[in-house]
Amino acid sequence: MSIKNQESIKKKKIIKNIDLKKIKKKINFLVKKKKKLKKKIYNSKKKYKKKIKNIKLRCNRQIDSAYKFSLEKIISSLLPIFDSLEMAISSIGKFEKNNKNILEKLIELKKFFLKIFSQNSIKIVDKTNVPFDPTIHQAMFVKHSKDIKKDHVIEILQKGYLIHNRLLRAALVSVSNT
């Protein structure tokens, strides 16, 4: 072999070695990049799974709230009827002998209302001698009372109602000042 051929072979080997080194570096770089991307994808999946879970929870809470309070308007419109029913029962109760049959039917109707209230988590605010709570009571006037503590409810003028512990209608009350 000639010297030129030997030199050319050496150059080819060197070039092959250089190319192999470049290729190995490139492969290592790509392997590292692949690992980083896999980690990034894993973290993204984890992050979005958490976001989806939070969205589901929020939607479920909104659905529950809509379900709980869907009857709010209907019940509010029935409250005056219930108030009138109670007034009729108390009025007829004074003349019970003459209107016994009517009174029984009205009491039965009132029980039906109370059953519906109970089934739909509606609570009646009608207690006296309890501390005045502006979140459920509306003070109509202040009275002097020796028997009841200051800032306590003396009398219920109109019952209040809560649906799932949210105010439906405030109780109209008189409050003691001493």
N, C-alpha and C. Protein backbone atom coordinates (compact mmCIF):
# COMPACT_ATOMS: atom_id res chain seq x y z
N MET A 1 0.83 -1.19 0.00
CA MET A 1 0.00 0.00 0.00
C MET A 1 0.87 1.25 0.00
N SER A 2 0.29 2.17 -0.61
CA SER A 2 1.03 3.42 -0.69
C SER A 2 0.74 4.28 0.53
N ILE A 3 1.54 5.23 0.67
CA ILE A 3 1.43 6.15 1.82
C ILE A 3 0.13 6.93 1.72
N LYS A 4 -0.24 7.25 0.53
CA LYS A 4 -1.48 8.01 0.36
C LYS A 4 -2.66 7.16 0.78
N ASN A 5 -2.64 5.91 0.43
CA ASN A 5 -3.73 5.02 0.81
C ASN A 5 -3.79 4.84 2.32
N GLN A 6 -2.62 4.72 2.91
CA GLN A 6 -2.58 4.57 4.37
C GLN A 6 -3.12 5.82 5.06
N GLU A 7 -2.74 6.95 4.56
CA GLU A 7 -3.23 8.20 5.14
C GLU A 7 -4.74 8.32 4.95
N SER A 8 -5.19 7.94 3.83
CA SER A 8 -6.62 8.02 3.55
C SER A 8 -7.40 7.08 4.47
N ILE A 9 -6.87 5.89 4.72
CA ILE A 9 -7.52 4.94 5.63
C ILE A 9 -7.52 5.50 7.04
N LYS A 10 -6.41 6.08 7.46
CA LYS A 10 -6.33 6.69 8.80
C LYS A 10 -7.35 7.82 8.93
N LYS A 11 -7.47 8.62 7.89
CA LYS A 11 -8.43 9.73 7.91
C LYS A 11 -9.85 9.19 8.03
N LYS A 12 -10.14 8.13 7.30
CA LYS A 12 -11.48 7.53 7.36
C LYS A 12 -11.77 7.00 8.75
N LYS A 13 -10.77 6.36 9.38
CA LYS A 13 -10.95 5.85 10.74
C LYS A 13 -11.19 6.98 11.73
N ILE A 14 -10.42 8.03 11.56
CA ILE A 14 -10.56 9.20 12.44
C ILE A 14 -11.95 9.81 12.25
N ILE A 15 -12.35 9.92 10.99
CA ILE A 15 -13.67 10.48 10.69
C ILE A 15 -14.75 9.58 11.29
N LYS A 16 -14.59 8.26 11.15
CA LYS A 16 -15.55 7.33 11.73
C LYS A 16 -15.61 7.47 13.24
N ASN A 17 -14.43 7.58 13.86
CA ASN A 17 -14.38 7.77 15.32
C ASN A 17 -15.06 9.07 15.72
N ILE A 18 -14.76 10.11 14.98
CA ILE A 18 -15.36 11.42 15.27
C ILE A 18 -16.87 11.32 15.08
N ASP A 19 -17.30 10.72 14.00
CA ASP A 19 -18.73 10.56 13.75
C ASP A 19 -19.38 9.72 14.85
N LEU A 20 -18.72 8.64 15.27
CA LEU A 20 -19.24 7.80 16.34
C LEU A 20 -19.36 8.58 17.64
N LYS A 21 -18.37 9.40 17.93
CA LYS A 21 -18.41 10.22 19.15
C LYS A 21 -19.56 11.21 19.08
N LYS A 22 -19.73 11.83 17.91
CA LYS A 22 -20.83 12.80 17.75
C LYS A 22 -22.17 12.09 17.88
N ILE A 23 -22.23 10.94 17.25
CA ILE A 23 -23.48 10.18 17.31
C ILE A 23 -23.79 9.74 18.73
N LYS A 24 -22.78 9.26 19.46
CA LYS A 24 -22.98 8.86 20.86
C LYS A 24 -23.43 10.04 21.71
N LYS A 25 -22.79 11.20 21.47
CA LYS A 25 -23.19 12.41 22.21
C LYS A 25 -24.64 12.77 21.89
N LYS A 26 -24.96 12.70 20.62
CA LYS A 26 -26.32 13.03 20.19
C LYS A 26 -27.33 12.05 20.82
N ILE A 27 -26.97 10.78 20.83
CA ILE A 27 -27.85 9.76 21.43
C ILE A 27 -28.03 10.04 22.92
N ASN A 28 -26.95 10.29 23.62
CA ASN A 28 -27.03 10.61 25.05
C ASN A 28 -27.90 11.84 25.30
N PHE A 29 -27.71 12.85 24.45
CA PHE A 29 -28.51 14.07 24.56
C PHE A 29 -30.00 13.75 24.37
N LEU A 30 -30.29 12.97 23.33
CA LEU A 30 -31.67 12.61 23.04
C LEU A 30 -32.28 11.75 24.14
N VAL A 31 -31.49 10.83 24.72
CA VAL A 31 -31.97 10.00 25.82
C VAL A 31 -32.32 10.87 27.02
N LYS A 32 -31.47 11.82 27.34
CA LYS A 32 -31.73 12.74 28.46
C LYS A 32 -32.97 13.58 28.18
N LYS A 33 -33.07 14.05 26.95
CA LYS A 33 -34.22 14.86 26.56
C LYS A 33 -35.51 14.04 26.68
N LYS A 34 -35.45 12.79 26.26
CA LYS A 34 -36.60 11.88 26.36
C LYS A 34 -37.02 11.70 27.81
N LYS A 35 -36.05 11.51 28.71
CA LYS A 35 -36.35 11.36 30.14
C LYS A 35 -37.03 12.61 30.69
N LYS A 36 -36.50 13.77 30.31
CA LYS A 36 -37.09 15.04 30.77
C LYS A 36 -38.52 15.18 30.27
N LEU A 37 -38.73 14.84 29.01
CA LEU A 37 -40.08 14.95 28.44
C LEU A 37 -41.04 13.97 29.11
N LYS A 38 -40.56 12.74 29.39
CA LYS A 38 -41.40 11.77 30.10
C LYS A 38 -41.80 12.29 31.47
N LYS A 39 -40.83 12.88 32.15
CA LYS A 39 -41.10 13.44 33.48
C LYS A 39 -42.09 14.61 33.38
N LYS A 40 -41.91 15.44 32.36
CA LYS A 40 -42.79 16.57 32.16
C LYS A 40 -44.22 16.09 31.86
N ILE A 41 -44.34 15.06 31.01
CA ILE A 41 -45.64 14.49 30.69
C ILE A 41 -46.29 13.90 31.94
N TYR A 42 -45.51 13.18 32.73
CA TYR A 42 -46.03 12.57 33.96
C TYR A 42 -46.55 13.66 34.91
N ASN A 43 -45.76 14.72 35.08
CA ASN A 43 -46.18 15.81 35.96
C ASN A 43 -47.43 16.51 35.43
N SER A 44 -47.50 16.68 34.11
CA SER A 44 -48.68 17.31 33.50
C SER A 44 -49.91 16.45 33.73
N LYS A 45 -49.78 15.13 33.52
CA LYS A 45 -50.90 14.23 33.75
C LYS A 45 -51.37 14.33 35.19
N LYS A 46 -50.40 14.31 36.11
CA LYS A 46 -50.73 14.39 37.54
C LYS A 46 -51.46 15.70 37.85
N LYS A 47 -50.95 16.80 37.29
CA LYS A 47 -51.52 18.12 37.52
C LYS A 47 -52.96 18.19 36.98
N TYR A 48 -53.18 17.68 35.77
CA TYR A 48 -54.50 17.77 35.17
C TYR A 48 -55.48 16.79 35.80
N LYS A 49 -54.99 15.65 36.29
CA LYS A 49 -55.87 14.75 37.03
C LYS A 49 -56.39 15.45 38.28
N LYS A 50 -55.52 16.19 38.94
CA LYS A 50 -55.91 16.93 40.14
C LYS A 50 -56.93 18.02 39.79
N LYS A 51 -56.68 18.73 38.66
CA LYS A 51 -57.62 19.77 38.23
C LYS A 51 -58.98 19.17 37.90
N ILE A 52 -58.98 18.05 37.22
CA ILE A 52 -60.23 17.39 36.85
C ILE A 52 -60.98 16.95 38.11
N LYS A 53 -60.24 16.42 39.08
CA LYS A 53 -60.85 16.00 40.34
C LYS A 53 -61.51 17.19 41.03
N ASN A 54 -60.82 18.34 41.07
CA ASN A 54 -61.37 19.55 41.69
C ASN A 54 -62.61 20.05 40.95
N ILE A 55 -62.58 19.96 39.62
CA ILE A 55 -63.74 20.39 38.83
C ILE A 55 -64.93 19.49 39.14
N LYS A 56 -64.69 18.18 39.22
CA LYS A 56 -65.77 17.24 39.55
C LYS A 56 -66.35 17.56 40.93
N LEU A 57 -65.48 17.82 41.91
CA LEU A 57 -65.96 18.14 43.26
C LEU A 57 -66.80 19.42 43.25
N ARG A 58 -66.31 20.44 42.54
CA ARG A 58 -67.03 21.71 42.47
C ARG A 58 -68.40 21.51 41.80
N CYS A 59 -68.42 20.75 40.72
CA CYS A 59 -69.69 20.49 40.03
C CYS A 59 -70.65 19.72 40.93
N ASN A 60 -70.15 18.74 41.64
CA ASN A 60 -71.01 17.97 42.56
C ASN A 60 -71.58 18.87 43.66
N ARG A 61 -70.74 19.78 44.18
CA ARG A 61 -71.24 20.72 45.20
C ARG A 61 -72.33 21.62 44.62
N GLN A 62 -72.12 22.10 43.39
CA GLN A 62 -73.12 22.96 42.76
C GLN A 62 -74.42 22.20 42.50
N ILE A 63 -74.30 20.96 42.09
CA ILE A 63 -75.50 20.13 41.86
C ILE A 63 -76.24 19.90 43.17
N ASP A 64 -75.48 19.58 44.23
CA ASP A 64 -76.10 19.37 45.55
C ASP A 64 -76.81 20.63 46.01
N SER A 65 -76.16 21.78 45.83
CA SER A 65 -76.76 23.04 46.25
C SER A 65 -78.03 23.32 45.44
N ALA A 66 -77.97 23.11 44.14
CA ALA A 66 -79.15 23.34 43.31
C ALA A 66 -80.28 22.41 43.74
N TYR A 67 -79.94 21.17 44.05
CA TYR A 67 -80.96 20.21 44.49
C TYR A 67 -81.56 20.63 45.83
N LYS A 68 -80.69 21.00 46.77
CA LYS A 68 -81.18 21.37 48.11
C LYS A 68 -82.10 22.58 48.06
N PHE A 69 -81.75 23.57 47.24
CA PHE A 69 -82.47 24.83 47.28
C PHE A 69 -83.43 25.00 46.11
N SER A 70 -83.69 23.93 45.37
CA SER A 70 -84.60 24.02 44.23
C SER A 70 -86.03 24.32 44.67
N LEU A 71 -86.39 23.91 45.87
CA LEU A 71 -87.75 24.12 46.36
C LEU A 71 -87.94 25.47 47.06
N GLU A 72 -86.88 26.23 47.15
CA GLU A 72 -86.92 27.48 47.92
C GLU A 72 -88.05 28.41 47.49
N LYS A 73 -88.21 28.65 46.19
CA LYS A 73 -89.25 29.57 45.71
C LYS A 73 -90.65 29.00 45.95
N ILE A 74 -90.79 27.72 45.71
CA ILE A 74 -92.11 27.10 45.89
C ILE A 74 -92.53 27.15 47.36
N ILE A 75 -91.60 26.76 48.24
CA ILE A 75 -91.92 26.77 49.68
C ILE A 75 -92.19 28.19 50.14
N SER A 76 -91.40 29.15 49.66
CA SER A 76 -91.63 30.55 50.04
C SER A 76 -93.03 31.00 49.66
N SER A 77 -93.50 30.56 48.51
CA SER A 77 -94.84 30.97 48.08
C SER A 77 -95.94 30.25 48.88
N LEU A 78 -95.60 29.11 49.49
CA LEU A 78 -96.58 28.38 50.30
C LEU A 78 -96.64 28.85 51.76
N LEU A 79 -95.63 29.58 52.20
CA LEU A 79 -95.59 30.01 53.61
C LEU A 79 -96.79 30.86 54.02
N PRO A 80 -97.24 31.81 53.20
CA PRO A 80 -98.44 32.56 53.60
C PRO A 80 -99.67 31.66 53.77
N ILE A 81 -99.77 30.62 52.96
CA ILE A 81 -100.88 29.68 53.08
C ILE A 81 -100.78 28.94 54.41
N PHE A 82 -99.55 28.52 54.75
CA PHE A 82 -99.34 27.83 56.02
C PHE A 82 -99.65 28.74 57.20
N ASP A 83 -99.23 30.01 57.10
CA ASP A 83 -99.54 30.99 58.16
C ASP A 83 -101.07 31.14 58.32
N SER A 84 -101.75 31.25 57.20
CA SER A 84 -103.21 31.40 57.25
C SER A 84 -103.86 30.15 57.85
N LEU A 85 -103.34 29.00 57.52
CA LEU A 85 -103.84 27.74 58.07
C LEU A 85 -103.70 27.72 59.59
N GLU A 86 -102.53 28.14 60.07
CA GLU A 86 -102.33 28.17 61.53
C GLU A 86 -103.27 29.16 62.21
N MET A 87 -103.47 30.33 61.55
CA MET A 87 -104.39 31.32 62.12
C MET A 87 -105.82 30.77 62.15
N ALA A 88 -106.20 30.06 61.10
CA ALA A 88 -107.55 29.48 61.06
C ALA A 88 -107.72 28.45 62.16
N ILE A 89 -106.69 27.63 62.38
CA ILE A 89 -106.77 26.61 63.45
C ILE A 89 -106.93 27.27 64.80
N SER A 90 -106.15 28.32 65.05
CA SER A 90 -106.26 28.98 66.36
C SER A 90 -107.59 29.70 66.51
N SER A 91 -108.12 30.26 65.42
CA SER A 91 -109.43 30.94 65.49
C SER A 91 -110.56 29.95 65.69
N ILE A 92 -110.52 28.86 64.93
CA ILE A 92 -111.58 27.86 65.04
C ILE A 92 -111.49 27.12 66.36
N GLY A 93 -110.28 27.00 66.90
CA GLY A 93 -110.10 26.33 68.18
C GLY A 93 -110.92 26.94 69.29
N LYS A 94 -111.20 28.24 69.20
CA LYS A 94 -112.01 28.93 70.21
C LYS A 94 -113.47 28.49 70.15
N PHE A 95 -113.90 28.12 68.95
CA PHE A 95 -115.29 27.70 68.75
C PHE A 95 -115.32 26.23 68.34
N GLU A 96 -114.57 25.42 69.04
CA GLU A 96 -114.34 24.03 68.65
C GLU A 96 -115.61 23.20 68.54
N LYS A 97 -116.56 23.42 69.39
CA LYS A 97 -117.78 22.59 69.41
C LYS A 97 -118.53 22.67 68.08
N ASN A 98 -118.66 23.85 67.55
CA ASN A 98 -119.45 24.04 66.33
C ASN A 98 -118.69 23.59 65.07
N ASN A 99 -117.38 23.69 65.09
CA ASN A 99 -116.60 23.46 63.89
C ASN A 99 -115.57 22.34 64.06
N LYS A 100 -115.93 21.33 64.81
CA LYS A 100 -114.98 20.26 65.13
C LYS A 100 -114.48 19.55 63.87
N ASN A 101 -115.36 19.28 62.94
CA ASN A 101 -114.98 18.58 61.71
C ASN A 101 -114.01 19.42 60.87
N ILE A 102 -114.28 20.69 60.77
CA ILE A 102 -113.40 21.60 60.01
C ILE A 102 -112.04 21.68 60.69
N LEU A 103 -112.05 21.79 62.01
CA LEU A 103 -110.81 21.88 62.77
C LEU A 103 -109.95 20.64 62.56
N GLU A 104 -110.57 19.47 62.58
CA GLU A 104 -109.83 18.23 62.37
C GLU A 104 -109.17 18.20 60.99
N LYS A 105 -109.89 18.65 59.99
CA LYS A 105 -109.34 18.68 58.62
C LYS A 105 -108.19 19.68 58.51
N LEU A 106 -108.33 20.81 59.16
CA LEU A 106 -107.26 21.82 59.13
C LEU A 106 -106.00 21.31 59.86
N ILE A 107 -106.21 20.65 60.98
CA ILE A 107 -105.07 20.08 61.73
C ILE A 107 -104.39 19.00 60.89
N GLU A 108 -105.18 18.21 60.19
CA GLU A 108 -104.64 17.17 59.31
C GLU A 108 -103.81 17.82 58.19
N LEU A 109 -104.32 18.90 57.63
CA LEU A 109 -103.61 19.63 56.58
C LEU A 109 -102.30 20.22 57.12
N LYS A 110 -102.35 20.75 58.34
CA LYS A 110 -101.15 21.30 58.95
C LYS A 110 -100.10 20.21 59.15
N LYS A 111 -100.51 19.03 59.59
CA LYS A 111 -99.58 17.91 59.76
C LYS A 111 -98.94 17.53 58.42
N PHE A 112 -99.74 17.59 57.36
CA PHE A 112 -99.22 17.30 56.03
C PHE A 112 -98.13 18.30 55.65
N PHE A 113 -98.40 19.59 55.89
CA PHE A 113 -97.39 20.63 55.63
C PHE A 113 -96.12 20.36 56.44
N LEU A 114 -96.28 20.07 57.72
CA LEU A 114 -95.12 19.84 58.59
C LEU A 114 -94.31 18.63 58.13
N LYS A 115 -94.99 17.62 57.63
CA LYS A 115 -94.30 16.44 57.10
C LYS A 115 -93.47 16.83 55.88
N ILE A 116 -94.04 17.63 54.99
CA ILE A 116 -93.31 18.10 53.80
C ILE A 116 -92.11 18.94 54.23
N PHE A 117 -92.31 19.79 55.23
CA PHE A 117 -91.21 20.61 55.73
C PHE A 117 -90.09 19.72 56.25
N SER A 118 -90.45 18.73 57.02
CA SER A 118 -89.45 17.82 57.59
C SER A 118 -88.70 17.06 56.50
N GLN A 119 -89.41 16.57 55.51
CA GLN A 119 -88.77 15.82 54.42
C GLN A 119 -87.80 16.67 53.61
N ASN A 120 -88.02 17.98 53.59
CA ASN A 120 -87.18 18.88 52.79
C ASN A 120 -86.26 19.73 53.65
N SER A 121 -86.00 19.28 54.88
CA SER A 121 -85.07 19.96 55.80
C SER A 121 -85.43 21.42 56.03
N ILE A 122 -86.71 21.67 56.22
CA ILE A 122 -87.16 23.02 56.52
C ILE A 122 -87.44 23.09 58.02
N LYS A 123 -86.78 24.03 58.67
CA LYS A 123 -86.94 24.21 60.12
C LYS A 123 -87.72 25.49 60.38
N ILE A 124 -88.52 25.45 61.42
CA ILE A 124 -89.33 26.60 61.79
C ILE A 124 -88.62 27.36 62.90
N VAL A 125 -88.52 28.68 62.74
CA VAL A 125 -87.92 29.55 63.76
C VAL A 125 -89.09 30.15 64.53
N ASP A 126 -89.35 29.59 65.72
CA ASP A 126 -90.51 30.06 66.48
C ASP A 126 -90.30 30.02 68.00
N LYS A 127 -89.06 29.99 68.43
CA LYS A 127 -88.80 29.89 69.87
C LYS A 127 -88.70 31.28 70.49
N THR A 128 -89.26 31.35 71.71
CA THR A 128 -89.16 32.59 72.48
C THR A 128 -88.15 32.39 73.60
N ASN A 129 -87.77 33.48 74.23
CA ASN A 129 -86.79 33.48 75.32
C ASN A 129 -85.44 32.88 74.87
N VAL A 130 -85.07 33.18 73.63
CA VAL A 130 -83.76 32.82 73.09
C VAL A 130 -83.06 34.11 72.70
N PRO A 131 -81.73 34.13 72.67
CA PRO A 131 -81.04 35.35 72.28
C PRO A 131 -81.45 35.80 70.87
N PHE A 132 -81.60 37.10 70.72
CA PHE A 132 -81.93 37.66 69.41
C PHE A 132 -80.77 37.41 68.45
N ASP A 133 -81.06 36.83 67.31
CA ASP A 133 -80.04 36.53 66.28
C ASP A 133 -80.45 37.23 64.99
N PRO A 134 -79.75 38.28 64.61
CA PRO A 134 -80.16 39.04 63.41
C PRO A 134 -80.08 38.23 62.11
N THR A 135 -79.43 37.07 62.14
CA THR A 135 -79.37 36.26 60.93
C THR A 135 -80.66 35.48 60.69
N ILE A 136 -81.47 35.30 61.75
CA ILE A 136 -82.74 34.58 61.58
C ILE A 136 -83.94 35.34 62.12
N HIS A 137 -83.70 36.42 62.87
CA HIS A 137 -84.79 37.22 63.44
C HIS A 137 -84.80 38.61 62.83
N GLN A 138 -85.99 39.18 62.73
CA GLN A 138 -86.12 40.58 62.35
C GLN A 138 -86.91 41.26 63.47
N ALA A 139 -86.26 42.18 64.16
CA ALA A 139 -86.90 42.86 65.29
C ALA A 139 -87.91 43.87 64.77
N MET A 140 -89.15 43.72 65.23
CA MET A 140 -90.20 44.65 64.83
C MET A 140 -90.33 45.78 65.84
N PHE A 141 -90.14 45.44 67.11
CA PHE A 141 -90.13 46.46 68.15
C PHE A 141 -89.47 45.90 69.40
N VAL A 142 -89.18 46.81 70.32
CA VAL A 142 -88.52 46.46 71.57
C VAL A 142 -89.52 46.65 72.70
N LYS A 143 -89.56 45.68 73.62
CA LYS A 143 -90.48 45.75 74.76
C LYS A 143 -89.68 45.65 76.05
N HIS A 144 -90.27 46.19 77.08
CA HIS A 144 -89.70 46.05 78.41
C HIS A 144 -90.26 44.76 79.01
N SER A 145 -89.38 43.94 79.59
CA SER A 145 -89.84 42.70 80.21
C SER A 145 -88.99 42.39 81.43
N LYS A 146 -89.66 42.07 82.52
CA LYS A 146 -88.94 41.69 83.74
C LYS A 146 -88.57 40.20 83.72
N ASP A 147 -89.34 39.43 82.99
CA ASP A 147 -89.16 37.97 82.98
C ASP A 147 -88.08 37.49 82.01
N ILE A 148 -87.84 38.24 80.98
CA ILE A 148 -86.92 37.78 79.92
C ILE A 148 -85.69 38.69 79.89
N LYS A 149 -84.53 38.04 79.70
CA LYS A 149 -83.25 38.76 79.69
C LYS A 149 -83.20 39.76 78.54
N LYS A 150 -82.27 40.71 78.67
CA LYS A 150 -82.07 41.72 77.64
C LYS A 150 -81.63 41.06 76.34
N ASP A 151 -82.11 41.61 75.23
CA ASP A 151 -81.79 41.15 73.87
C ASP A 151 -82.20 39.70 73.62
N HIS A 152 -83.30 39.31 74.25
CA HIS A 152 -83.88 37.98 74.00
C HIS A 152 -85.26 38.17 73.35
N VAL A 153 -85.69 37.17 72.62
CA VAL A 153 -86.97 37.22 71.92
C VAL A 153 -88.10 37.05 72.94
N ILE A 154 -89.02 38.01 72.95
CA ILE A 154 -90.17 37.95 73.85
C ILE A 154 -91.34 37.25 73.16
N GLU A 155 -91.58 37.63 71.91
CA GLU A 155 -92.78 37.15 71.22
C GLU A 155 -92.47 36.96 69.74
N ILE A 156 -93.07 35.93 69.16
CA ILE A 156 -92.96 35.69 67.72
C ILE A 156 -94.21 36.27 67.06
N LEU A 157 -94.02 37.26 66.21
CA LEU A 157 -95.15 37.85 65.50
C LEU A 157 -95.45 37.07 64.21
N GLN A 158 -94.41 36.59 63.59
CA GLN A 158 -94.54 35.75 62.40
C GLN A 158 -93.36 34.78 62.39
N LYS A 159 -93.65 33.51 62.21
CA LYS A 159 -92.59 32.49 62.24
C LYS A 159 -91.62 32.68 61.09
N GLY A 160 -90.39 32.26 61.35
CA GLY A 160 -89.37 32.27 60.31
C GLY A 160 -89.09 30.83 59.88
N TYR A 161 -88.39 30.70 58.76
CA TYR A 161 -88.12 29.36 58.22
C TYR A 161 -86.71 29.29 57.66
N LEU A 162 -86.08 28.13 57.87
CA LEU A 162 -84.76 27.84 57.32
C LEU A 162 -84.88 26.61 56.42
N ILE A 163 -84.20 26.63 55.29
CA ILE A 163 -84.15 25.45 54.43
C ILE A 163 -82.69 25.04 54.35
N HIS A 164 -82.37 23.85 54.83
CA HIS A 164 -80.98 23.36 54.92
C HIS A 164 -80.11 24.41 55.62
N ASN A 165 -80.61 24.96 56.71
CA ASN A 165 -79.93 25.96 57.53
C ASN A 165 -79.64 27.27 56.79
N ARG A 166 -80.31 27.50 55.70
CA ARG A 166 -80.21 28.79 54.99
C ARG A 166 -81.55 29.49 55.16
N LEU A 167 -81.51 30.78 55.45
CA LEU A 167 -82.72 31.54 55.74
C LEU A 167 -83.66 31.59 54.55
N LEU A 168 -84.89 31.19 54.81
CA LEU A 168 -85.94 31.26 53.80
C LEU A 168 -86.80 32.51 54.07
N ARG A 169 -87.14 32.68 55.36
CA ARG A 169 -87.86 33.88 55.78
C ARG A 169 -87.51 34.14 57.23
N ALA A 170 -87.16 35.38 57.53
CA ALA A 170 -86.79 35.75 58.91
C ALA A 170 -88.05 35.79 59.80
N ALA A 171 -87.86 35.43 61.04
CA ALA A 171 -88.96 35.48 62.01
C ALA A 171 -89.13 36.94 62.45
N LEU A 172 -90.36 37.39 62.46
CA LEU A 172 -90.65 38.75 62.94
C LEU A 172 -90.89 38.65 64.44
N VAL A 173 -90.09 39.37 65.23
CA VAL A 173 -90.12 39.20 66.68
C VAL A 173 -90.12 40.53 67.42
N SER A 174 -90.50 40.44 68.69
CA SER A 174 -90.30 41.58 69.59
C SER A 174 -89.17 41.17 70.54
N VAL A 175 -88.36 42.16 70.89
CA VAL A 175 -87.13 41.88 71.66
C VAL A 175 -87.18 42.65 72.98
N SER A 176 -86.64 42.05 74.02
CA SER A 176 -86.62 42.71 75.32
C SER A 176 -85.45 43.68 75.40
N ASN A 177 -85.67 44.77 76.13
CA ASN A 177 -84.57 45.73 76.28
C ASN A 177 -84.01 45.76 77.71
N THR A 178 -84.64 45.09 78.63
CA THR A 178 -84.06 44.96 79.98
C THR A 178 -84.35 43.60 80.56
